[in-house]
Amino acid sequence: MRIIDYIERQEEAKRPPLMLVYDAIKMVLPDAQERISYGMPTFWRGRNLIHFAAMKNHIGLYPGPDAIDAFATELRPYKTSTGAIRFPLQTELPLPLIQNIARWCDEHYGK
């Protein structure tokens, strides 16, 4: 399955924010392979770099615990857990932050 297929299978209200996240990450990782891994859209370069997914009330971004530590200050407004960030569906997505995290993941995890 392609990432676009994953997005198209989600509830209509979740498709636009998922496309925004997809486009934001794709812009900074244009050469990364796109996969579905662990049931989530994934950008891959030698290993999984970053995942995202639609959840009940949020869009989840999964850059790993080291990335969350690196962006701890910028992520204060959001709920985080080990390796995961929750962006509520009812708020504007911080697309520049998402791009910075994706870029960081490529620099630190990409091969």
Protein backbone atom coordinates (compact mmCIF):
# COMPACT_ATOMS: atom_id res chain seq x y z
CA MET A 1 0.00 0.00 0.00
CA ARG A 2 1.17 3.52 -0.75
CA ILE A 3 0.98 6.42 1.71
CA ILE A 4 -1.63 8.07 -0.49
CA ASP A 5 -3.75 4.90 -0.27
CA TYR A 6 -3.49 5.01 3.53
CA ILE A 7 -4.64 8.64 3.57
CA GLU A 8 -7.54 7.98 1.18
CA ARG A 9 -8.80 5.17 3.47
CA GLN A 10 -9.11 7.47 6.48
CA GLU A 11 -12.20 9.38 7.57
CA GLU A 12 -12.87 12.38 5.36
CA ALA A 13 -12.15 14.88 8.15
CA LYS A 14 -8.70 13.38 8.76
CA ARG A 15 -7.55 13.38 5.15
CA PRO A 16 -6.64 17.09 4.86
CA PRO A 17 -4.39 17.18 7.95
CA LEU A 18 -2.78 13.89 6.91
CA MET A 19 -2.05 15.33 3.47
CA LEU A 20 -0.53 18.42 5.08
CA VAL A 21 1.80 16.26 7.17
CA TYR A 22 2.64 14.07 4.18
CA ASP A 23 3.39 17.08 1.96
CA ALA A 24 5.47 18.78 4.67
CA ILE A 25 7.63 15.71 5.22
CA LYS A 26 7.88 14.92 1.51
CA MET A 27 9.17 18.45 0.90
CA VAL A 28 12.18 17.94 3.18
CA LEU A 29 12.71 14.23 2.42
CA PRO A 30 11.99 14.06 -1.32
CA ASP A 31 14.35 11.13 -1.92
CA ALA A 32 13.26 9.00 1.03
CA GLN A 33 11.35 5.85 0.20
CA GLU A 34 7.69 5.81 1.16
CA ARG A 35 6.38 2.74 2.94
CA ILE A 36 3.73 1.53 5.29
CA SER A 37 5.48 0.20 8.37
CA TYR A 38 3.76 -0.82 11.60
CA GLY A 39 0.55 0.10 9.78
CA MET A 40 1.64 3.75 9.43
CA PRO A 41 2.92 5.95 6.62
CA THR A 42 6.70 5.89 6.89
CA PHE A 43 9.62 7.65 5.27
CA TRP A 44 12.61 5.33 5.00
CA ARG A 45 16.27 5.71 4.07
CA GLY A 46 18.24 2.68 5.17
CA ARG A 47 15.88 2.45 8.13
CA ASN A 48 12.60 3.99 9.26
CA LEU A 49 13.11 7.75 9.63
CA ILE A 50 9.70 9.02 10.69
CA HIS A 51 6.10 7.76 10.79
CA PHE A 52 2.76 9.51 11.05
CA ALA A 53 -0.78 8.25 11.48
CA ALA A 54 -4.41 9.19 12.01
CA MET A 55 -5.70 8.52 15.49
CA LYS A 56 -9.12 9.12 17.02
CA ASN A 57 -8.54 12.72 18.14
CA HIS A 58 -5.09 13.55 16.85
CA ILE A 59 -2.46 13.08 14.20
CA GLY A 60 0.44 11.11 15.61
CA LEU A 61 4.00 11.81 14.56
CA TYR A 62 6.56 9.16 15.45
CA PRO A 63 10.15 10.39 15.11
CA GLY A 64 11.63 8.37 17.97
CA PRO A 65 12.62 9.38 21.51
CA ASP A 66 15.90 11.09 20.55
CA ALA A 67 14.10 13.49 18.21
CA ILE A 68 11.54 14.28 20.90
CA ASP A 69 14.37 15.08 23.31
CA ALA A 70 16.04 17.28 20.69
CA PHE A 71 12.83 19.28 20.17
CA ALA A 72 11.59 19.25 23.76
CA THR A 73 11.25 23.03 24.00
CA GLU A 74 9.28 23.36 20.76
CA LEU A 75 7.08 20.40 21.67
CA ARG A 76 5.94 21.76 25.05
CA PRO A 77 2.46 22.69 23.74
CA TYR A 78 1.83 19.09 22.64
CA LYS A 79 1.40 15.78 24.39
CA THR A 80 4.39 13.54 23.88
CA SER A 81 5.43 10.11 25.02
CA THR A 82 8.40 7.93 24.25
CA GLY A 83 8.85 8.41 20.53
CA ALA A 84 5.42 9.93 19.85
CA ILE A 85 3.89 13.39 19.44
CA ARG A 86 0.16 14.11 19.40
CA PHE A 87 -1.15 16.99 17.31
CA PRO A 88 -4.85 17.52 18.15
CA LEU A 89 -7.14 17.47 15.12
CA GLN A 90 -8.84 20.69 16.16
CA THR A 91 -5.63 22.77 16.14
CA GLU A 92 -3.44 24.04 13.34
CA LEU A 93 -0.57 21.73 12.54
CA PRO A 94 2.92 23.15 13.19
CA LEU A 95 4.17 22.27 9.71
CA PRO A 96 7.57 24.04 9.99
CA LEU A 97 8.21 22.14 13.23
CA ILE A 98 7.20 18.86 11.59
CA GLN A 99 9.61 19.61 8.74
CA ASN A 100 12.43 20.41 11.16
CA ILE A 101 11.83 17.15 13.00
CA ALA A 102 11.78 15.19 9.73
CA ARG A 103 15.01 16.87 8.63
CA TRP A 104 16.59 16.05 12.01
CA CYS A 105 15.51 12.41 11.67
CA ASP A 106 17.12 12.19 8.24
CA GLU A 107 20.36 13.74 9.50
CA HIS A 108 20.54 11.45 12.53
CA TYR A 109 18.96 8.22 11.31
CA GLY A 110 19.33 8.26 7.51
CA LYS A 111 21.86 6.01 5.84
